[in-house]
Amino acid sequence: MGQADGRDEEKPVHAVTLAPFRICRYPVTNGHWEEFRKASGRDKHTFTHETAPVASVNWYDATAYCHWLSTLWSTHVRLPTEAEWEFAARGGVEQRSYPWGSEPRQYGADRWRDGPEPVAQAEANGYGLFDMCENVHEWCADWFDPGYYAVSPANHPTGPEHGKRRASRGGAWRHQIKCSRCAARSSIPPEFRYADYGFRIAAEGI
């Protein structure tokens, strides 16, 4: 994990071992969200395109969706940890800067003018995952600590026990630079809802 020439919170680069896990190919979309929204009595969101990632959800909304889906599927659905997300984003290539290679993508001026775009508009990474590092920021399960990498366990890290901000990963449509590096870390308080924050789901096992 991490990047030697990255920001301070991405250092030190360190080896991590993870238990087998599954992660969704796409972020949760508005179409996925709609049934849960109705069941839980939540308001409609600003963006409603069925195949675009749901956005303006806070960390509690995301975890509530996971609990709801866990009941429907009779399996434990959750948010990915930071370590799982970064592993998945690299697509099987250690220390790859972006899911697609070593350089950021160049986007035309017509992209992401008004909100998130439908998922899977570009090629998948080596694990068959779409939209890693672009479209919306994705909530992770962990509390955020900029110094965590210095004390992170080598096996199955799940972040610090306490904190004030929850970790997130990936680039987002509202930024001038639309994509992020696989190692780039971000965070906001878990109660915040931003128009460029969404999530994807994960589960144990293979």
N, C-alpha and C. Protein backbone atom coordinates (compact mmCIF):
# COMPACT_ATOMS: atom_id res chain seq x y z
N MET A 1 0.84 -1.19 0.00
CA MET A 1 0.00 0.00 0.00
C MET A 1 0.87 1.24 0.00
N GLY A 2 0.29 2.34 -0.46
CA GLY A 2 0.97 3.62 -0.42
C GLY A 2 1.76 3.93 -1.67
N GLN A 3 2.38 5.09 -1.67
CA GLN A 3 3.18 5.52 -2.81
C GLN A 3 4.35 6.36 -2.30
N ALA A 4 5.56 5.95 -2.66
CA ALA A 4 6.77 6.57 -2.11
C ALA A 4 6.87 8.06 -2.43
N ASP A 5 6.41 8.46 -3.62
CA ASP A 5 6.46 9.87 -4.00
C ASP A 5 5.09 10.54 -3.88
N GLY A 6 4.21 9.96 -3.08
CA GLY A 6 2.89 10.52 -2.87
C GLY A 6 2.86 11.50 -1.72
N ARG A 7 1.66 11.78 -1.24
CA ARG A 7 1.50 12.70 -0.12
C ARG A 7 1.91 12.02 1.18
N ASP A 8 2.08 12.81 2.23
CA ASP A 8 2.58 12.28 3.49
C ASP A 8 1.72 11.14 4.03
N GLU A 9 0.39 11.26 3.89
CA GLU A 9 -0.49 10.23 4.44
C GLU A 9 -0.45 8.92 3.65
N GLU A 10 0.25 8.92 2.52
CA GLU A 10 0.40 7.70 1.71
C GLU A 10 1.71 6.97 2.02
N LYS A 11 2.43 7.41 3.03
CA LYS A 11 3.73 6.84 3.38
C LYS A 11 3.69 6.33 4.82
N PRO A 12 4.54 5.33 5.12
CA PRO A 12 5.46 4.64 4.21
C PRO A 12 4.75 3.60 3.36
N VAL A 13 5.34 3.30 2.21
CA VAL A 13 4.87 2.15 1.42
C VAL A 13 5.09 0.90 2.26
N HIS A 14 4.11 0.03 2.34
CA HIS A 14 4.22 -1.14 3.20
C HIS A 14 3.43 -2.31 2.61
N ALA A 15 3.90 -3.51 2.89
CA ALA A 15 3.24 -4.72 2.40
C ALA A 15 2.07 -5.08 3.30
N VAL A 16 0.98 -5.48 2.68
CA VAL A 16 -0.23 -5.86 3.40
C VAL A 16 -0.75 -7.18 2.84
N THR A 17 -1.18 -8.07 3.72
CA THR A 17 -1.83 -9.32 3.32
C THR A 17 -3.31 -9.23 3.67
N LEU A 18 -4.16 -9.60 2.72
CA LEU A 18 -5.61 -9.52 2.91
C LEU A 18 -6.24 -10.91 2.84
N ALA A 19 -7.30 -11.09 3.59
CA ALA A 19 -8.11 -12.30 3.44
C ALA A 19 -8.90 -12.20 2.14
N PRO A 20 -9.30 -13.32 1.56
CA PRO A 20 -10.12 -13.27 0.34
C PRO A 20 -11.38 -12.43 0.56
N PHE A 21 -11.73 -11.65 -0.43
CA PHE A 21 -12.94 -10.82 -0.35
C PHE A 21 -13.52 -10.64 -1.75
N ARG A 22 -14.75 -10.22 -1.78
CA ARG A 22 -15.41 -9.88 -3.04
C ARG A 22 -15.73 -8.39 -3.02
N ILE A 23 -15.73 -7.78 -4.20
CA ILE A 23 -16.07 -6.36 -4.31
C ILE A 23 -16.86 -6.16 -5.60
N CYS A 24 -17.83 -5.27 -5.56
CA CYS A 24 -18.72 -5.08 -6.71
C CYS A 24 -17.97 -4.47 -7.90
N ARG A 25 -18.36 -4.85 -9.08
CA ARG A 25 -17.71 -4.35 -10.29
C ARG A 25 -17.96 -2.86 -10.49
N TYR A 26 -19.06 -2.34 -9.95
CA TYR A 26 -19.43 -0.94 -10.14
C TYR A 26 -19.75 -0.31 -8.78
N PRO A 27 -19.72 1.00 -8.69
CA PRO A 27 -20.34 1.65 -7.53
C PRO A 27 -21.85 1.37 -7.53
N VAL A 28 -22.45 1.46 -6.37
CA VAL A 28 -23.91 1.32 -6.26
C VAL A 28 -24.56 2.43 -7.09
N THR A 29 -25.50 2.06 -7.94
CA THR A 29 -26.14 3.02 -8.84
C THR A 29 -27.47 3.52 -8.26
N ASN A 30 -28.01 4.55 -8.88
CA ASN A 30 -29.33 5.04 -8.49
C ASN A 30 -30.38 3.94 -8.64
N GLY A 31 -30.25 3.13 -9.67
CA GLY A 31 -31.18 2.03 -9.85
C GLY A 31 -31.13 1.03 -8.70
N HIS A 32 -29.92 0.70 -8.23
CA HIS A 32 -29.76 -0.18 -7.07
C HIS A 32 -30.34 0.47 -5.81
N TRP A 33 -30.10 1.76 -5.68
CA TRP A 33 -30.46 2.50 -4.48
C TRP A 33 -31.96 2.69 -4.33
N GLU A 34 -32.70 2.73 -5.42
CA GLU A 34 -34.09 3.16 -5.39
C GLU A 34 -34.97 2.27 -4.50
N GLU A 35 -34.80 0.96 -4.59
CA GLU A 35 -35.61 0.06 -3.77
C GLU A 35 -35.34 0.30 -2.28
N PHE A 36 -34.06 0.45 -1.94
CA PHE A 36 -33.71 0.73 -0.55
C PHE A 36 -34.25 2.09 -0.12
N ARG A 37 -34.15 3.08 -0.99
CA ARG A 37 -34.64 4.41 -0.66
C ARG A 37 -36.12 4.38 -0.29
N LYS A 38 -36.89 3.66 -1.07
CA LYS A 38 -38.32 3.56 -0.79
C LYS A 38 -38.58 2.79 0.49
N ALA A 39 -37.84 1.70 0.70
CA ALA A 39 -38.04 0.88 1.89
C ALA A 39 -37.66 1.61 3.17
N SER A 40 -36.69 2.51 3.07
CA SER A 40 -36.20 3.20 4.26
C SER A 40 -36.77 4.61 4.42
N GLY A 41 -37.60 5.04 3.47
CA GLY A 41 -38.24 6.33 3.58
C GLY A 41 -37.33 7.51 3.33
N ARG A 42 -36.23 7.29 2.60
CA ARG A 42 -35.29 8.37 2.32
C ARG A 42 -35.78 9.22 1.15
N ASP A 43 -35.33 10.47 1.14
CA ASP A 43 -35.70 11.39 0.07
C ASP A 43 -34.96 11.04 -1.22
N LYS A 44 -35.52 11.48 -2.34
CA LYS A 44 -34.84 11.31 -3.62
C LYS A 44 -33.61 12.20 -3.68
N HIS A 45 -32.65 11.76 -4.48
CA HIS A 45 -31.42 12.50 -4.62
C HIS A 45 -31.47 13.43 -5.84
N THR A 46 -30.51 14.32 -5.90
CA THR A 46 -30.44 15.28 -7.00
C THR A 46 -30.25 14.56 -8.33
N PHE A 47 -29.38 13.56 -8.33
CA PHE A 47 -29.08 12.83 -9.55
C PHE A 47 -29.89 11.53 -9.55
N THR A 48 -30.58 11.28 -10.65
CA THR A 48 -31.48 10.14 -10.67
C THR A 48 -31.26 9.21 -11.86
N HIS A 49 -30.25 9.47 -12.70
CA HIS A 49 -29.99 8.59 -13.83
C HIS A 49 -29.76 7.17 -13.30
N GLU A 50 -30.54 6.22 -13.81
CA GLU A 50 -30.59 4.89 -13.22
C GLU A 50 -29.24 4.19 -13.15
N THR A 51 -28.40 4.37 -14.17
CA THR A 51 -27.14 3.64 -14.21
C THR A 51 -25.94 4.48 -13.75
N ALA A 52 -26.19 5.69 -13.25
CA ALA A 52 -25.12 6.50 -12.67
C ALA A 52 -24.97 6.15 -11.19
N PRO A 53 -23.78 6.35 -10.62
CA PRO A 53 -23.60 6.05 -9.20
C PRO A 53 -24.51 6.92 -8.34
N VAL A 54 -25.09 6.33 -7.31
CA VAL A 54 -25.82 7.14 -6.34
C VAL A 54 -24.81 8.06 -5.66
N ALA A 55 -25.20 9.30 -5.43
CA ALA A 55 -24.32 10.28 -4.80
C ALA A 55 -25.10 11.04 -3.74
N SER A 56 -24.40 11.91 -3.02
CA SER A 56 -24.99 12.65 -1.90
C SER A 56 -25.48 11.71 -0.81
N VAL A 57 -24.75 10.62 -0.61
CA VAL A 57 -25.03 9.71 0.49
C VAL A 57 -23.89 9.83 1.51
N ASN A 58 -24.23 9.86 2.79
CA ASN A 58 -23.18 9.90 3.78
C ASN A 58 -22.77 8.47 4.18
N TRP A 59 -21.81 8.38 5.08
CA TRP A 59 -21.29 7.07 5.46
C TRP A 59 -22.38 6.22 6.13
N TYR A 60 -23.24 6.85 6.90
CA TYR A 60 -24.31 6.12 7.58
C TYR A 60 -25.34 5.60 6.58
N ASP A 61 -25.63 6.40 5.55
CA ASP A 61 -26.52 5.92 4.48
C ASP A 61 -25.92 4.68 3.82
N ALA A 62 -24.63 4.74 3.52
CA ALA A 62 -23.97 3.63 2.83
C ALA A 62 -23.97 2.36 3.67
N THR A 63 -23.68 2.49 4.96
CA THR A 63 -23.67 1.31 5.82
C THR A 63 -25.09 0.79 6.05
N ALA A 64 -26.07 1.68 6.09
CA ALA A 64 -27.46 1.23 6.22
C ALA A 64 -27.88 0.41 4.99
N TYR A 65 -27.46 0.85 3.82
CA TYR A 65 -27.73 0.09 2.60
C TYR A 65 -27.09 -1.30 2.69
N CYS A 66 -25.86 -1.35 3.18
CA CYS A 66 -25.19 -2.65 3.31
C CYS A 66 -25.94 -3.57 4.26
N HIS A 67 -26.43 -3.04 5.38
CA HIS A 67 -27.19 -3.86 6.32
C HIS A 67 -28.48 -4.36 5.68
N TRP A 68 -29.15 -3.49 4.96
CA TRP A 68 -30.39 -3.86 4.27
C TRP A 68 -30.14 -4.97 3.25
N LEU A 69 -29.08 -4.81 2.46
CA LEU A 69 -28.76 -5.81 1.45
C LEU A 69 -28.30 -7.12 2.09
N SER A 70 -27.63 -7.03 3.22
CA SER A 70 -27.22 -8.24 3.94
C SER A 70 -28.43 -9.09 4.30
N THR A 71 -29.50 -8.44 4.73
CA THR A 71 -30.72 -9.16 5.08
C THR A 71 -31.36 -9.80 3.85
N LEU A 72 -31.41 -9.05 2.75
CA LEU A 72 -32.01 -9.57 1.53
C LEU A 72 -31.23 -10.77 0.98
N TRP A 73 -29.92 -10.70 1.04
CA TRP A 73 -29.06 -11.71 0.44
C TRP A 73 -28.63 -12.79 1.41
N SER A 74 -28.94 -12.62 2.69
CA SER A 74 -28.52 -13.58 3.72
C SER A 74 -27.01 -13.79 3.72
N THR A 75 -26.29 -12.69 3.56
CA THR A 75 -24.82 -12.72 3.63
C THR A 75 -24.36 -11.36 4.14
N HIS A 76 -23.15 -11.30 4.65
CA HIS A 76 -22.66 -10.05 5.24
C HIS A 76 -22.10 -9.14 4.15
N VAL A 77 -22.86 -8.10 3.82
CA VAL A 77 -22.43 -7.08 2.85
C VAL A 77 -21.92 -5.88 3.64
N ARG A 78 -20.85 -5.27 3.17
CA ARG A 78 -20.22 -4.18 3.92
C ARG A 78 -19.50 -3.25 2.96
N LEU A 79 -18.95 -2.18 3.49
CA LEU A 79 -18.05 -1.33 2.73
C LEU A 79 -16.65 -1.96 2.72
N PRO A 80 -15.90 -1.76 1.66
CA PRO A 80 -14.53 -2.27 1.65
C PRO A 80 -13.64 -1.45 2.59
N THR A 81 -12.60 -2.09 3.10
CA THR A 81 -11.59 -1.35 3.84
C THR A 81 -10.72 -0.57 2.85
N GLU A 82 -9.96 0.38 3.37
CA GLU A 82 -9.02 1.10 2.52
C GLU A 82 -8.05 0.14 1.83
N ALA A 83 -7.56 -0.83 2.59
CA ALA A 83 -6.59 -1.79 2.03
C ALA A 83 -7.22 -2.60 0.91
N GLU A 84 -8.45 -3.06 1.11
CA GLU A 84 -9.13 -3.82 0.07
C GLU A 84 -9.37 -2.96 -1.16
N TRP A 85 -9.79 -1.72 -0.94
CA TRP A 85 -10.08 -0.84 -2.07
C TRP A 85 -8.82 -0.60 -2.89
N GLU A 86 -7.70 -0.32 -2.24
CA GLU A 86 -6.47 -0.04 -2.97
C GLU A 86 -5.98 -1.28 -3.72
N PHE A 87 -6.07 -2.44 -3.07
CA PHE A 87 -5.71 -3.69 -3.73
C PHE A 87 -6.56 -3.90 -4.98
N ALA A 88 -7.86 -3.69 -4.85
CA ALA A 88 -8.78 -3.88 -5.97
C ALA A 88 -8.51 -2.88 -7.09
N ALA A 89 -8.22 -1.63 -6.71
CA ALA A 89 -8.01 -0.58 -7.71
C ALA A 89 -6.80 -0.87 -8.59
N ARG A 90 -5.76 -1.45 -8.04
CA ARG A 90 -4.55 -1.70 -8.81
C ARG A 90 -4.72 -2.82 -9.83
N GLY A 91 -5.75 -3.62 -9.68
CA GLY A 91 -6.06 -4.62 -10.70
C GLY A 91 -5.02 -5.71 -10.85
N GLY A 92 -4.29 -6.01 -9.79
CA GLY A 92 -3.32 -7.09 -9.85
C GLY A 92 -1.91 -6.67 -10.17
N VAL A 93 -1.68 -5.36 -10.33
CA VAL A 93 -0.33 -4.86 -10.66
C VAL A 93 0.17 -4.04 -9.48
N GLU A 94 1.16 -4.54 -8.76
CA GLU A 94 1.66 -3.84 -7.58
C GLU A 94 2.25 -2.48 -7.95
N GLN A 95 1.90 -1.49 -7.13
CA GLN A 95 2.41 -0.13 -7.27
C GLN A 95 2.01 0.56 -8.58
N ARG A 96 1.00 0.05 -9.24
CA ARG A 96 0.47 0.76 -10.41
C ARG A 96 -0.18 2.06 -9.94
N SER A 97 0.12 3.14 -10.64
CA SER A 97 -0.39 4.45 -10.20
C SER A 97 -1.89 4.59 -10.38
N TYR A 98 -2.41 4.10 -11.51
CA TYR A 98 -3.82 4.19 -11.82
C TYR A 98 -4.34 2.81 -12.22
N PRO A 99 -5.64 2.57 -12.14
CA PRO A 99 -6.16 1.26 -12.52
C PRO A 99 -5.83 0.86 -13.95
N TRP A 100 -5.63 1.86 -14.81
CA TRP A 100 -5.41 1.60 -16.23
C TRP A 100 -3.94 1.72 -16.65
N GLY A 101 -3.05 2.18 -15.76
CA GLY A 101 -1.66 2.34 -16.16
C GLY A 101 -0.91 3.33 -15.29
N SER A 102 0.10 3.95 -15.86
CA SER A 102 0.99 4.82 -15.09
C SER A 102 0.67 6.31 -15.22
N GLU A 103 -0.19 6.69 -16.15
CA GLU A 103 -0.50 8.10 -16.39
C GLU A 103 -1.99 8.37 -16.22
N PRO A 104 -2.35 9.58 -15.77
CA PRO A 104 -3.78 9.90 -15.64
C PRO A 104 -4.45 10.00 -17.00
N ARG A 105 -5.75 9.73 -17.01
CA ARG A 105 -6.50 9.88 -18.25
C ARG A 105 -6.73 11.35 -18.54
N GLN A 106 -6.85 11.65 -19.83
CA GLN A 106 -7.22 12.99 -20.27
C GLN A 106 -8.69 12.97 -20.70
N TYR A 107 -9.47 13.87 -20.15
CA TYR A 107 -10.90 13.88 -20.41
C TYR A 107 -11.28 15.12 -21.22
N GLY A 108 -12.25 14.95 -22.10
CA GLY A 108 -12.75 16.08 -22.86
C GLY A 108 -13.61 17.00 -22.02
N ALA A 109 -13.82 18.22 -22.51
CA ALA A 109 -14.58 19.22 -21.77
C ALA A 109 -16.05 18.85 -21.62
N ASP A 110 -16.51 17.88 -22.42
CA ASP A 110 -17.92 17.50 -22.37
C ASP A 110 -18.21 16.44 -21.30
N ARG A 111 -17.17 15.97 -20.60
CA ARG A 111 -17.36 14.93 -19.59
C ARG A 111 -17.73 15.53 -18.24
N TRP A 112 -18.67 14.91 -17.54
CA TRP A 112 -19.00 15.26 -16.15
C TRP A 112 -19.35 16.72 -15.96
N ARG A 113 -20.19 17.25 -16.82
CA ARG A 113 -20.56 18.66 -16.68
C ARG A 113 -21.54 18.88 -15.53
N ASP A 114 -22.48 17.96 -15.37
CA ASP A 114 -23.59 18.20 -14.45
C ASP A 114 -23.71 17.18 -13.32
N GLY A 115 -22.89 16.14 -13.33
CA GLY A 115 -23.02 15.14 -12.28
C GLY A 115 -22.31 13.86 -12.66
N PRO A 116 -22.44 12.83 -11.83
CA PRO A 116 -21.82 11.54 -12.15
C PRO A 116 -22.36 10.99 -13.47
N GLU A 117 -21.53 10.24 -14.15
CA GLU A 117 -21.94 9.63 -15.42
C GLU A 117 -22.27 8.15 -15.21
N PRO A 118 -23.03 7.54 -16.12
CA PRO A 118 -23.31 6.11 -16.01
C PRO A 118 -22.02 5.31 -15.83
N VAL A 119 -22.12 4.24 -15.06
CA VAL A 119 -20.95 3.42 -14.77
C VAL A 119 -20.46 2.70 -16.02
N ALA A 120 -19.20 2.27 -15.97
CA ALA A 120 -18.60 1.42 -17.01
C ALA A 120 -18.50 2.10 -18.37
N GLN A 121 -18.17 3.39 -18.37
CA GLN A 121 -17.97 4.10 -19.63
C GLN A 121 -16.57 3.89 -20.20
N ALA A 122 -15.65 3.42 -19.38
CA ALA A 122 -14.28 3.12 -19.82
C ALA A 122 -13.99 1.66 -19.52
N GLU A 123 -12.83 1.18 -19.97
CA GLU A 123 -12.52 -0.23 -19.80
C GLU A 123 -12.31 -0.57 -18.33
N ALA A 124 -12.53 -1.84 -18.01
CA ALA A 124 -12.33 -2.33 -16.66
C ALA A 124 -10.84 -2.50 -16.37
N ASN A 125 -10.48 -2.57 -15.10
CA ASN A 125 -9.09 -2.84 -14.76
C ASN A 125 -8.83 -4.35 -14.81
N GLY A 126 -7.68 -4.77 -14.33
CA GLY A 126 -7.30 -6.17 -14.44
C GLY A 126 -8.17 -7.14 -13.66
N TYR A 127 -8.93 -6.64 -12.70
CA TYR A 127 -9.86 -7.48 -11.95
C TYR A 127 -11.29 -7.36 -12.46
N GLY A 128 -11.49 -6.66 -13.57
CA GLY A 128 -12.83 -6.51 -14.12
C GLY A 128 -13.67 -5.47 -13.40
N LEU A 129 -13.01 -4.52 -12.73
CA LEU A 129 -13.71 -3.50 -11.97
C LEU A 129 -13.75 -2.18 -12.73
N PHE A 130 -14.88 -1.51 -12.67
CA PHE A 130 -15.08 -0.25 -13.38
C PHE A 130 -15.12 0.93 -12.41
N ASP A 131 -14.72 2.08 -12.92
CA ASP A 131 -14.87 3.36 -12.23
C ASP A 131 -14.04 3.48 -10.96
N MET A 132 -13.05 2.63 -10.77
CA MET A 132 -12.13 2.83 -9.67
C MET A 132 -11.33 4.10 -9.98
N CYS A 133 -11.23 4.99 -9.05
CA CYS A 133 -10.42 6.22 -9.17
C CYS A 133 -11.08 7.31 -10.01
N GLU A 134 -12.36 7.19 -10.36
CA GLU A 134 -13.03 8.25 -11.10
C GLU A 134 -14.54 8.14 -10.91
N ASN A 135 -15.26 9.18 -11.30
CA ASN A 135 -16.72 9.28 -11.26
C ASN A 135 -17.20 9.79 -9.90
N VAL A 136 -17.10 9.00 -8.83
CA VAL A 136 -17.44 9.49 -7.49
C VAL A 136 -16.41 9.00 -6.48
N HIS A 137 -16.20 9.80 -5.42
CA HIS A 137 -15.47 9.29 -4.27
C HIS A 137 -16.25 8.12 -3.69
N GLU A 138 -15.55 7.15 -3.13
CA GLU A 138 -16.21 5.98 -2.57
C GLU A 138 -15.86 5.82 -1.09
N TRP A 139 -16.90 5.77 -0.27
CA TRP A 139 -16.71 5.56 1.15
C TRP A 139 -16.03 4.23 1.42
N CYS A 140 -15.15 4.21 2.42
CA CYS A 140 -14.56 2.98 2.92
C CYS A 140 -15.03 2.74 4.35
N ALA A 141 -14.79 1.55 4.86
CA ALA A 141 -15.24 1.21 6.20
C ALA A 141 -14.44 1.90 7.29
N ASP A 142 -13.18 2.24 7.03
CA ASP A 142 -12.24 2.66 8.06
C ASP A 142 -12.47 4.08 8.57
N TRP A 143 -12.12 4.27 9.84
CA TRP A 143 -11.83 5.61 10.31
C TRP A 143 -10.54 6.06 9.63
N PHE A 144 -10.37 7.37 9.49
CA PHE A 144 -9.19 7.89 8.81
C PHE A 144 -8.20 8.45 9.81
N ASP A 145 -6.93 8.11 9.61
CA ASP A 145 -5.82 8.67 10.37
C ASP A 145 -4.67 8.88 9.39
N PRO A 146 -4.21 10.13 9.18
CA PRO A 146 -3.14 10.36 8.20
C PRO A 146 -1.84 9.65 8.55
N GLY A 147 -1.64 9.28 9.82
CA GLY A 147 -0.42 8.59 10.22
C GLY A 147 -0.57 7.09 10.38
N TYR A 148 -1.68 6.55 9.92
CA TYR A 148 -1.99 5.14 10.18
C TYR A 148 -0.99 4.18 9.55
N TYR A 149 -0.44 4.53 8.39
CA TYR A 149 0.45 3.59 7.71
C TYR A 149 1.70 3.27 8.51
N ALA A 150 2.09 4.16 9.39
CA ALA A 150 3.28 3.91 10.21
C ALA A 150 3.05 2.84 11.27
N VAL A 151 1.78 2.59 11.61
CA VAL A 151 1.46 1.61 12.66
C VAL A 151 0.52 0.52 12.16
N SER A 152 0.19 0.54 10.89
CA SER A 152 -0.76 -0.42 10.33
C SER A 152 -0.26 -1.85 10.48
N PRO A 153 -1.13 -2.79 10.90
CA PRO A 153 -0.72 -4.19 10.93
C PRO A 153 -0.49 -4.71 9.52
N ALA A 154 0.35 -5.72 9.41
CA ALA A 154 0.67 -6.28 8.09
C ALA A 154 -0.45 -7.16 7.56
N ASN A 155 -1.30 -7.67 8.45
CA ASN A 155 -2.36 -8.59 8.03
C ASN A 155 -3.74 -7.97 8.25
N HIS A 156 -4.51 -7.88 7.20
CA HIS A 156 -5.92 -7.49 7.24
C HIS A 156 -6.17 -6.18 7.99
N PRO A 157 -5.50 -5.09 7.64
CA PRO A 157 -5.72 -3.83 8.35
C PRO A 157 -7.13 -3.30 8.12
N THR A 158 -7.73 -2.80 9.18
CA THR A 158 -9.09 -2.26 9.10
C THR A 158 -9.17 -0.82 9.58
N GLY A 159 -8.02 -0.17 9.72
CA GLY A 159 -8.01 1.22 10.12
C GLY A 159 -7.99 1.38 11.63
N PRO A 160 -7.84 2.62 12.10
CA PRO A 160 -7.82 2.89 13.54
C PRO A 160 -9.17 2.60 14.19
N GLU A 161 -9.15 2.43 15.49
CA GLU A 161 -10.38 2.09 16.22
C GLU A 161 -11.32 3.28 16.35
N HIS A 162 -10.78 4.48 16.35
CA HIS A 162 -11.59 5.67 16.56
C HIS A 162 -11.16 6.77 15.59
N GLY A 163 -12.00 7.77 15.46
CA GLY A 163 -11.64 8.90 14.61
C GLY A 163 -12.79 9.87 14.48
N LYS A 164 -12.58 10.92 13.71
CA LYS A 164 -13.62 11.91 13.44
C LYS A 164 -14.01 11.94 11.97
N ARG A 165 -13.20 11.32 11.13
CA ARG A 165 -13.46 11.31 9.69
C ARG A 165 -13.38 9.87 9.19
N ARG A 166 -14.20 9.54 8.20
CA ARG A 166 -14.16 8.23 7.57
C ARG A 166 -13.36 8.32 6.27
N ALA A 167 -12.64 7.26 5.99
CA ALA A 167 -11.80 7.22 4.80
C ALA A 167 -12.65 7.09 3.54
N SER A 168 -12.13 7.65 2.46
CA SER A 168 -12.74 7.48 1.14
C SER A 168 -11.64 7.38 0.11
N ARG A 169 -11.98 6.84 -1.04
CA ARG A 169 -10.99 6.64 -2.10
C ARG A 169 -11.60 7.02 -3.44
N GLY A 170 -10.72 7.27 -4.40
CA GLY A 170 -11.15 7.51 -5.76
C GLY A 170 -11.34 8.98 -6.11
N GLY A 171 -11.27 9.27 -7.39
CA GLY A 171 -11.51 10.62 -7.89
C GLY A 171 -12.99 10.90 -8.04
N ALA A 172 -13.33 12.09 -8.47
CA ALA A 172 -14.74 12.44 -8.55
C ALA A 172 -14.99 13.49 -9.61
N TRP A 173 -16.23 13.51 -10.09
CA TRP A 173 -16.61 14.34 -11.23
C TRP A 173 -16.50 15.84 -10.96
N ARG A 174 -16.59 16.28 -9.71
CA ARG A 174 -16.59 17.72 -9.43
C ARG A 174 -15.20 18.34 -9.47
N HIS A 175 -14.16 17.53 -9.41
CA HIS A 175 -12.80 18.08 -9.33
C HIS A 175 -12.30 18.51 -10.70
N GLN A 176 -11.39 19.46 -10.69
CA GLN A 176 -10.75 19.87 -11.94
C GLN A 176 -9.98 18.70 -12.54
N ILE A 177 -9.26 17.96 -11.69
CA ILE A 177 -8.61 16.71 -12.10
C ILE A 177 -9.56 15.58 -11.69
N LYS A 178 -10.14 14.90 -12.68
CA LYS A 178 -11.27 14.00 -12.43
C LYS A 178 -10.88 12.65 -11.84
N CYS A 179 -9.63 12.24 -12.02
CA CYS A 179 -9.23 10.91 -11.56
C CYS A 179 -8.20 11.03 -10.45
N SER A 180 -8.08 10.00 -9.66
CA SER A 180 -7.08 9.98 -8.60
C SER A 180 -6.16 8.78 -8.78
N ARG A 181 -5.03 8.82 -8.11
CA ARG A 181 -4.14 7.66 -8.08
C ARG A 181 -4.72 6.58 -7.17
N CYS A 182 -4.31 5.33 -7.39
CA CYS A 182 -4.79 4.23 -6.56
C CYS A 182 -4.44 4.43 -5.09
N ALA A 183 -3.30 5.06 -4.83
CA ALA A 183 -2.83 5.23 -3.45
C ALA A 183 -3.40 6.46 -2.77
N ALA A 184 -4.05 7.35 -3.51
CA ALA A 184 -4.52 8.61 -2.94
C ALA A 184 -5.61 8.38 -1.90
N ARG A 185 -5.45 9.01 -0.75
CA ARG A 185 -6.40 8.86 0.36
C ARG A 185 -7.17 10.16 0.55
N SER A 186 -8.42 10.05 0.96
CA SER A 186 -9.22 11.22 1.28
C SER A 186 -10.15 10.86 2.42
N SER A 187 -10.82 11.86 2.99
CA SER A 187 -11.70 11.61 4.12
C SER A 187 -12.59 12.81 4.36
N ILE A 188 -13.76 12.57 4.93
CA ILE A 188 -14.65 13.62 5.42
C ILE A 188 -15.40 13.05 6.62
N PRO A 189 -16.02 13.89 7.44
CA PRO A 189 -16.83 13.38 8.54
C PRO A 189 -17.96 12.48 8.02
N PRO A 190 -18.29 11.42 8.75
CA PRO A 190 -19.24 10.43 8.23
C PRO A 190 -20.66 10.95 8.02
N GLU A 191 -21.00 12.06 8.68
CA GLU A 191 -22.36 12.60 8.52
C GLU A 191 -22.51 13.51 7.31
N PHE A 192 -21.41 13.85 6.65
CA PHE A 192 -21.47 14.77 5.51
C PHE A 192 -22.02 14.07 4.27
N ARG A 193 -22.79 14.82 3.49
CA ARG A 193 -23.26 14.35 2.18
C ARG A 193 -22.78 15.32 1.11
N TYR A 194 -22.02 14.82 0.17
CA TYR A 194 -21.54 15.63 -0.94
C TYR A 194 -22.00 15.03 -2.25
N ALA A 195 -22.16 15.90 -3.24
CA ALA A 195 -22.70 15.47 -4.53
C ALA A 195 -21.73 14.60 -5.33
N ASP A 196 -20.51 14.42 -4.83
CA ASP A 196 -19.57 13.55 -5.52
C ASP A 196 -19.12 12.38 -4.64
N TYR A 197 -19.94 12.04 -3.64
CA TYR A 197 -19.63 10.91 -2.76
C TYR A 197 -20.64 9.79 -2.95
N GLY A 198 -20.14 8.59 -3.28
CA GLY A 198 -20.94 7.38 -3.38
C GLY A 198 -20.21 6.23 -2.71
N PHE A 199 -20.47 5.01 -3.15
CA PHE A 199 -19.81 3.85 -2.54
C PHE A 199 -20.01 2.61 -3.39
N ARG A 200 -19.19 1.59 -3.15
CA ARG A 200 -19.44 0.27 -3.71
C ARG A 200 -19.38 -0.73 -2.57
N ILE A 201 -19.98 -1.89 -2.78
CA ILE A 201 -20.11 -2.86 -1.69
C ILE A 201 -19.05 -3.95 -1.79
N ALA A 202 -18.81 -4.58 -0.66
CA ALA A 202 -17.86 -5.68 -0.59
C ALA A 202 -18.46 -6.78 0.30
N ALA A 203 -17.82 -7.93 0.28
CA ALA A 203 -18.25 -9.06 1.12
C ALA A 203 -17.07 -10.00 1.32
N GLU A 204 -17.19 -10.86 2.31
CA GLU A 204 -16.12 -11.81 2.58
C GLU A 204 -16.10 -12.90 1.52
N GLY A 205 -14.97 -13.62 1.47
CA GLY A 205 -14.90 -14.86 0.71
C GLY A 205 -14.55 -14.68 -0.74
N ILE A 206 -14.61 -15.80 -1.46
CA ILE A 206 -14.27 -15.82 -2.88
C ILE A 206 -15.39 -16.48 -3.65
